[in-house]
C-alpha atoms as a PDB file:
ATOM      1  CA  GLU A   1     231.734 115.316 -80.082  1.00  0.00           C
ATOM      2  CA  LYS A   2     228.730 114.403 -82.248  1.00  0.00           C
ATOM      3  CA  ARG A   3     228.803 111.609 -84.797  1.00  0.00           C
ATOM      4  CA  TYR A   4     227.567 111.629 -88.383  1.00  0.00           C
ATOM      5  CA  GLU A   5     224.331 109.835 -87.516  1.00  0.00           C
ATOM      6  CA  ASP A   6     223.477 112.659 -85.115  1.00  0.00           C
ATOM      7  CA  PHE A   7     223.092 114.926 -88.144  1.00  0.00           C
ATOM      8  CA  GLY A   8     220.747 112.591 -90.012  1.00  0.00           C
ATOM      9  CA  PHE A   9     223.248 110.757 -92.204  1.00  0.00           C
ATOM     10  CA  SER A  10     222.288 107.152 -92.940  1.00  0.00           C
ATOM     11  CA  SER A  11     225.363 105.876 -94.805  1.00  0.00           C
ATOM     12  CA  LEU A  12     228.966 106.794 -95.509  1.00  0.00           C
ATOM     13  CA  LEU A  13     231.079 106.544 -98.660  1.00  0.00           C
ATOM     14  CA  SER A  14     234.871 106.762 -98.638  1.00  0.00           C
ATOM     15  CA  CYS A  15     237.567 106.584-101.330  1.00  0.00           C
ATOM     16  CA  SER A  16     239.909 104.173 -99.486  1.00  0.00           C
ATOM     17  CA  GLN A  17     240.107 101.532 -96.789  1.00  0.00           C
ATOM     18  CA  PHE A  18     242.289 103.976 -94.861  1.00  0.00           C
ATOM     19  CA  ILE A  19     239.417 106.452 -94.538  1.00  0.00           C
ATOM     20  CA  ARG A  20     236.960 103.650 -93.847  1.00  0.00           C
ATOM     21  CA  ASN A  21     239.086 102.488 -90.909  1.00  0.00           C
ATOM     22  CA  TYR A  22     239.464 106.081 -89.755  1.00  0.00           C
ATOM     23  CA  MET A  23     235.680 106.441 -89.645  1.00  0.00           C
ATOM     24  CA  LYS A  24     235.140 103.317 -87.528  1.00  0.00           C
ATOM     25  CA  ASP A  25     235.893 105.250 -84.346  1.00  0.00           C
ATOM     26  CA  ARG A  26     233.765 108.191 -85.457  1.00  0.00           C
ATOM     27  CA  SER A  27     230.552 106.603 -86.648  1.00  0.00           C
ATOM     28  CA  SER A  28     228.599 103.369 -86.352  1.00  0.00           C
ATOM     29  CA  LEU A  29     227.144 103.811 -89.837  1.00  0.00           C
ATOM     30  CA  GLN A  30     228.023 101.462 -92.662  1.00  0.00           C
ATOM     31  CA  CYS A  31     230.898 102.898 -94.672  1.00  0.00           C
ATOM     32  CA  ASP A  32     231.351 101.638 -98.227  1.00  0.00           C
ATOM     33  CA  VAL A  33     234.487 102.146-100.302  1.00  0.00           C
ATOM     34  CA  VAL A  34     234.659 103.328-103.899  1.00  0.00           C
ATOM     35  CA  THR A  35     238.285 103.893-104.809  1.00  0.00           C
ATOM     36  CA  ASN A  36     239.269 106.750-107.086  1.00  0.00           C
ATOM     37  CA  GLY A  37     239.953 106.048-110.716  1.00  0.00           C
ATOM     38  CA  ILE A  38     242.358 107.618-113.190  1.00  0.00           C
ATOM     39  CA  ASP A  39     242.117 108.189-116.923  1.00  0.00           C
ATOM     40  CA  LEU A  40     244.381 105.490-118.343  1.00  0.00           C
ATOM     41  CA  ASN A  41     244.156 107.148-121.753  1.00  0.00           C
ATOM     42  CA  VAL A  42     245.993 110.134-120.259  1.00  0.00           C
ATOM     43  CA  PHE A  43     248.255 108.332-117.807  1.00  0.00           C
ATOM     44  CA  HIS A  44     249.831 105.507-119.756  1.00  0.00           C
ATOM     45  CA  ASN A  45     253.229 103.903-120.092  1.00  0.00           C
ATOM     46  CA  ASP A  46     255.620 104.475-122.989  1.00  0.00           C
ATOM     47  CA  GLU A  47     258.908 102.731-123.704  1.00  0.00           C
ATOM     48  CA  ARG A  48     261.554 103.636-121.115  1.00  0.00           C
ATOM     49  CA  ASP A  49     265.063 104.868-121.775  1.00  0.00           C
ATOM     50  CA  ASN A  50     266.952 102.591-119.366  1.00  0.00           C
ATOM     51  CA  ASP A  51     269.982 104.885-119.324  1.00  0.00           C
ATOM     52  CA  ARG A  52     267.951 107.854-118.144  1.00  0.00           C
ATOM     53  CA  CYS A  53     267.845 108.634-114.416  1.00  0.00           C
ATOM     54  CA  ARG A  54     265.251 111.282-113.714  1.00  0.00           C
ATOM     55  CA  ILE A  55     263.410 111.740-110.413  1.00  0.00           C
ATOM     56  CA  ILE A  56     260.218 113.764-110.351  1.00  0.00           C
ATOM     57  CA  VAL A  57     258.379 115.129-107.312  1.00  0.00           C
ATOM     58  CA  LEU A  58     255.308 117.353-107.090  1.00  0.00           C
ATOM     59  CA  ASN A  59     255.704 120.623-105.201  1.00  0.00           C
ATOM     60  CA  ARG A  60     252.479 120.373-103.224  1.00  0.00           C
ATOM     61  CA  ARG A  61     253.195 119.294 -99.657  1.00  0.00           C
ATOM     62  CA  ASN A  62     256.244 118.296 -97.631  1.00  0.00           C
ATOM     63  CA  ILE A  63     258.638 119.280-100.414  1.00  0.00           C
ATOM     64  CA  ALA A  64     261.350 119.850 -97.788  1.00  0.00           C
ATOM     65  CA  ASP A  65     261.260 116.101 -97.047  1.00  0.00           C
ATOM     66  CA  ALA A  66     262.002 115.312-100.689  1.00  0.00           C
ATOM     67  CA  ARG A  67     264.875 117.791-100.893  1.00  0.00           C
ATOM     68  CA  GLU A  68     266.417 116.531 -97.659  1.00  0.00           C
ATOM     69  CA  ALA A  69     266.144 112.885 -98.727  1.00  0.00           C
ATOM     70  CA  PHE A  70     267.882 113.656-102.014  1.00  0.00           C
ATOM     71  CA  ALA A  71     270.560 115.687-100.211  1.00  0.00           C
ATOM     72  CA  ARG A  72     271.311 112.694 -97.982  1.00  0.00           C
ATOM     73  CA  LEU A  73     272.382 110.602-100.972  1.00  0.00           C
ATOM     74  CA  ASP A  74     276.069 110.141-101.601  1.00  0.00           C
ATOM     75  CA  ASP A  75     277.457 112.726-104.023  1.00  0.00           C
ATOM     76  CA  SER A  76     278.683 109.991-106.342  1.00  0.00           C
ATOM     77  CA  LEU A  77     275.143 108.634-106.526  1.00  0.00           C
ATOM     78  CA  LYS A  78     273.562 112.025-107.190  1.00  0.00           C
ATOM     79  CA  LYS A  79     275.924 112.624-110.082  1.00  0.00           C
ATOM     80  CA  GLY A  80     274.041 112.115-113.298  1.00  0.00           C
ATOM     81  CA  VAL A  81     270.647 112.058-111.556  1.00  0.00           C
ATOM     82  CA  GLU A  82     268.176 114.722-112.616  1.00  0.00           C
ATOM     83  CA  PHE A  83     265.951 115.866-109.736  1.00  0.00           C
ATOM     84  CA  ILE A  84     262.852 117.678-110.997  1.00  0.00           C
ATOM     85  CA  VAL A  85     260.460 119.555-108.727  1.00  0.00           C
ATOM     86  CA  LEU A  86     257.221 120.013-110.661  1.00  0.00           C
ATOM     87  CA  GLU A  87     255.294 123.119-109.678  1.00  0.00           C
ATOM     88  CA  ASN A  88     251.547 122.915-109.115  1.00  0.00           C
ATOM     89  CA  LYS A  89     250.524 124.762-112.266  1.00  0.00           C
ATOM     90  CA  TYR A  90     250.269 122.187-115.035  1.00  0.00           C
ATOM     91  CA  SER A  91     247.287 120.551-116.691  1.00  0.00           C
ATOM     92  CA  GLN A  92     246.582 116.859-116.278  1.00  0.00           C
ATOM     93  CA  GLY A  93     247.959 116.142-119.734  1.00  0.00           C
ATOM     94  CA  GLU A  94     251.150 118.103-119.065  1.00  0.00           C
ATOM     95  CA  ILE A  95     251.717 116.276-115.786  1.00  0.00           C
ATOM     96  CA  ALA A  96     251.269 112.964-117.593  1.00  0.00           C
ATOM     97  CA  GLU A  97     253.943 113.954-120.104  1.00  0.00           C
ATOM     98  CA  TYR A  98     256.355 114.865-117.318  1.00  0.00           C
ATOM     99  CA  LEU A  99     255.708 111.530-115.607  1.00  0.00           C
ATOM    100  CA  ARG A 100     256.419 109.634-118.822  1.00  0.00           C
ATOM    101  CA  SER A 101     259.725 111.494-119.097  1.00  0.00           C
ATOM    102  CA  ALA A 102     260.855 110.302-115.652  1.00  0.00           C
ATOM    103  CA  ASP A 103     261.747 106.878-114.323  1.00  0.00           C
ATOM    104  CA  ILE A 104     261.283 107.494-110.573  1.00  0.00           C
ATOM    105  CA  PHE A 105     258.431 109.261-108.788  1.00  0.00           C
ATOM    106  CA  LEU A 106     258.959 110.484-105.244  1.00  0.00           C
ATOM    107  CA  ALA A 107     255.686 110.415-103.269  1.00  0.00           C
ATOM    108  CA  ILE A 108     255.791 112.828-100.335  1.00  0.00           C
ATOM    109  CA  GLY A 109     252.136 113.570 -99.569  1.00  0.00           C
ATOM    110  CA  TYR A 110     250.808 112.796 -96.099  1.00  0.00           C
ATOM    111  CA  PRO A 111     248.215 112.376 -94.857  1.00  0.00           C
ATOM    112  CA  GLU A 112     246.364 111.234 -97.975  1.00  0.00           C
ATOM    113  CA  GLY A 113     242.797 110.075 -98.408  1.00  0.00           C
ATOM    114  CA  PHE A 114     243.769 108.049-101.477  1.00  0.00           C
ATOM    115  CA  ALA A 115     247.037 109.402-102.978  1.00  0.00           C
ATOM    116  CA  LEU A 116     246.310 109.907-106.683  1.00  0.00           C
ATOM    117  CA  PRO A 117     249.738 111.243-107.839  1.00  0.00           C
ATOM    118  CA  PRO A 118     251.707 108.040-107.129  1.00  0.00           C
ATOM    119  CA  LEU A 119     249.004 105.993-108.851  1.00  0.00           C
ATOM    120  CA  GLU A 120     249.164 108.272-111.900  1.00  0.00           C
ATOM    121  CA  ALA A 121     252.960 107.894-111.841  1.00  0.00           C
ATOM    122  CA  MET A 122     252.651 104.104-111.749  1.00  0.00           C
ATOM    123  CA  ALA A 123     250.355 104.117-114.761  1.00  0.00           C
ATOM    124  CA  SER A 124     252.869 106.344-116.553  1.00  0.00           C
ATOM    125  CA  GLY A 125     255.707 103.884-116.014  1.00  0.00           C
ATOM    126  CA  CYS A 126     257.538 105.405-113.045  1.00  0.00           C
ATOM    127  CA  ALA A 127     259.015 103.400-110.205  1.00  0.00           C
ATOM    128  CA  VAL A 128     257.284 104.877-107.146  1.00  0.00           C
ATOM    129  CA  VAL A 129     259.174 105.569-103.920  1.00  0.00           C
ATOM    130  CA  GLY A 130     257.941 107.373-100.829  1.00  0.00           C
ATOM    131  CA  PHE A 131     255.146 107.941 -98.339  1.00  0.00           C
ATOM    132  CA  THR A 132     251.660 106.434 -98.655  1.00  0.00           C
ATOM    133  CA  GLY A 133     249.929 109.001 -96.461  1.00  0.00           C
ATOM    134  CA  GLY A 134     247.639 106.139 -95.426  1.00  0.00           C
ATOM    135  CA  GLY A 135     245.381 106.259 -98.458  1.00  0.00           C
ATOM    136  CA  GLY A 136     248.186 105.240-100.800  1.00  0.00           C
ATOM    137  CA  LEU A 137     248.185 101.772 -99.225  1.00  0.00           C
ATOM    138  CA  GLU A 138     245.467 100.909-101.737  1.00  0.00           C
ATOM    139  CA  HIS A 139     248.091 100.720-104.486  1.00  0.00           C
ATOM    140  CA  MET A 140     251.544 101.340-102.931  1.00  0.00           C
ATOM    141  CA  LEU A 141     252.435  97.814-101.815  1.00  0.00           C
ATOM    142  CA  ASP A 142     255.881  97.918-100.227  1.00  0.00           C
ATOM    143  CA  GLY A 143     258.481  95.897-102.097  1.00  0.00           C
ATOM    144  CA  LYS A 144     255.979  95.008-104.808  1.00  0.00           C
ATOM    145  CA  THR A 145     254.516  98.051-106.540  1.00  0.00           C
ATOM    146  CA  ALA A 146     256.524 100.665-104.610  1.00  0.00           C
ATOM    147  CA  LEU A 147     259.240 101.189-102.030  1.00  0.00           C
ATOM    148  CA  VAL A 148     257.503 102.649 -98.984  1.00  0.00           C
ATOM    149  CA  ALA A 149     258.898 104.784 -96.161  1.00  0.00           C
ATOM    150  CA  ALA A 150     257.031 105.671 -92.972  1.00  0.00           C
ATOM    151  CA  ASP A 151     255.253 108.994 -93.399  1.00  0.00           C
ATOM    152  CA  GLY A 152     257.642 111.845 -92.595  1.00  0.00           C
ATOM    153  CA  ASN A 153     260.664 109.596 -92.051  1.00  0.00           C
ATOM    154  CA  VAL A 154     263.241 111.282 -94.283  1.00  0.00           C
ATOM    155  CA  GLU A 155     265.988 108.809 -93.407  1.00  0.00           C
ATOM    156  CA  GLU A 156     263.842 105.894 -94.603  1.00  0.00           C
ATOM    157  CA  LEU A 157     262.872 107.887 -97.675  1.00  0.00           C
ATOM    158  CA  ALA A 158     266.525 108.443 -98.562  1.00  0.00           C
ATOM    159  CA  THR A 159     267.253 104.728 -98.075  1.00  0.00           C
ATOM    160  CA  CYS A 160     264.392 103.735-100.363  1.00  0.00           C
ATOM    161  CA  LEU A 161     265.604 106.201-102.964  1.00  0.00           C
ATOM    162  CA  GLU A 162     269.150 104.879-102.716  1.00  0.00           C
ATOM    163  CA  ASN A 163     267.924 101.291-103.103  1.00  0.00           C
ATOM    164  CA  VAL A 164     266.025 102.027-106.288  1.00  0.00           C
ATOM    165  CA  LEU A 165     268.898 104.075-107.723  1.00  0.00           C
ATOM    166  CA  THR A 166     271.480 101.356-107.105  1.00  0.00           C
ATOM    167  CA  ASN A 167     269.397  98.307-107.989  1.00  0.00           C
ATOM    168  CA  SER A 168     268.115  98.443-111.552  1.00  0.00           C
ATOM    169  CA  GLU A 169     266.484  95.022-111.213  1.00  0.00           C
ATOM    170  CA  LEU A 170     264.482  96.186-108.191  1.00  0.00           C
ATOM    171  CA  LYS A 171     263.522  99.397-109.964  1.00  0.00           C
ATOM    172  CA  GLU A 172     262.237  97.513-112.991  1.00  0.00           C
ATOM    173  CA  GLN A 173     260.394  95.044-110.760  1.00  0.00           C
ATOM    174  CA  ILE A 174     258.371  97.677-108.901  1.00  0.00           C
ATOM    175  CA  ARG A 175     257.951  99.740-112.053  1.00  0.00           C
ATOM    176  CA  SER A 176     256.379  96.912-114.067  1.00  0.00           C
ATOM    177  CA  ALA A 177     254.265  95.767-111.106  1.00  0.00           C
ATOM    178  CA  GLY A 178     253.105  99.354-110.600  1.00  0.00           C
ATOM    179  CA  VAL A 179     252.030  99.679-114.238  1.00  0.00           C
ATOM    180  CA  LYS A 180     250.007  96.487-113.877  1.00  0.00           C
ATOM    181  CA  LYS A 181     248.472  97.532-110.542  1.00  0.00           C
ATOM    182  CA  ALA A 182     247.363 100.880-111.945  1.00  0.00           C
ATOM    183  CA  GLN A 183     245.110  99.097-114.448  1.00  0.00           C
ATOM    184  CA  ASP A 184     242.848  98.127-111.513  1.00  0.00           C
ATOM    185  CA  PHE A 185     242.013 101.801-110.954  1.00  0.00           C
ATOM    186  CA  SER A 186     240.490 102.807-114.265  1.00  0.00           C
ATOM    187  CA  LEU A 187     237.590 105.236-114.509  1.00  0.00           C
ATOM    188  CA  GLU A 188     235.485 102.310-115.738  1.00  0.00           C
ATOM    189  CA  ASN A 189     236.175 100.310-112.572  1.00  0.00           C
ATOM    190  CA  MET A 190     235.326 103.319-110.424  1.00  0.00           C
ATOM    191  CA  GLU A 191     232.043 103.707-112.327  1.00  0.00           C
ATOM    192  CA  LYS A 192     231.150 100.043-111.706  1.00  0.00           C
ATOM    193  CA  GLN A 193     231.799 100.483-107.987  1.00  0.00           C
ATOM    194  CA  LEU A 194     229.635 103.614-107.913  1.00  0.00           C
ATOM    195  CA  VAL A 195     226.771 101.850-109.702  1.00  0.00           C
ATOM    196  CA  LYS A 196     227.001  98.996-107.188  1.00  0.00           C
ATOM    197  CA  PHE A 197     226.913 101.492-104.320  1.00  0.00           C
ATOM    198  CA  ALA A 198     223.922 103.265-105.851  1.00  0.00           C
ATOM    199  CA  GLY A 199     222.111  99.923-106.067  1.00  0.00           C
ATOM    200  CA  TYR A 200     222.715  99.390-102.375  1.00  0.00           C
ATOM    201  CA  LEU A 201     221.267 102.833-101.604  1.00  0.00           C
ATOM    202  CA  GLN A 202     218.160 102.467-103.816  1.00  0.00           C
ATOM    203  CA  PRO A 203     215.953 100.604-101.281  1.00  0.00           C
ATOM    204  CA  ALA A 204     216.743 103.193 -98.626  1.00  0.00           C
ATOM    205  CA  ILE A 205     215.975 106.058-101.033  1.00  0.00           C
ATOM    206  CA  GLU A 206     212.667 104.485-102.048  1.00  0.00           C
ATOM    207  CA  GLY A 207     211.785 104.026 -98.377  1.00  0.00           C
ATOM    208  CA  CYS A 208     212.387 107.714 -97.707  1.00  0.00           C
ATOM    209  CA  THR A 209     210.212 108.850-100.620  1.00  0.00           C
ATOM    210  CA  SER A 210     207.316 106.438-100.123  1.00  0.00           C
END
């Protein structure tokens, strides 16, 4: 039942507003946020083949939710749709290539401190559909940069998937907005946030060493 300050901590750093809010009930210490960044030289958008319909999902957590959501789709809708489950064994570069080959990314991770995979998918030009896990709310803005279902709600997940499969205008809208949003999460921006945080800590560090 102890809090972080009971162990001598003087400040907290989190990677999302979701974690910051989570910590409010667990510590009275100031909690700053430095969001994760991605390598936009690796995860980048290429020209899309508009006739292609390929869904990609990472086989990490809650894969049964993804399979059930896809199974709930009407058979006529599933026809011609390629559903790819990507095993957790590829390098970052290989994952980026797979993402560029798809047009829809199914996000199924929850809970998530930040949710990097959907952000990487956005940068790679995928329309993102799925769960935010909490941390994904930093970049998965429902109806704007993604179609969001409540964590673990397979029925909502299937509906979101159906909507993006049957509405090409909506798919392109969230896809292009996602590509743009991903540019806010570069490694350079993360570095600037870290430098700012370090500047905030400097007076406290100097006080401890003097």
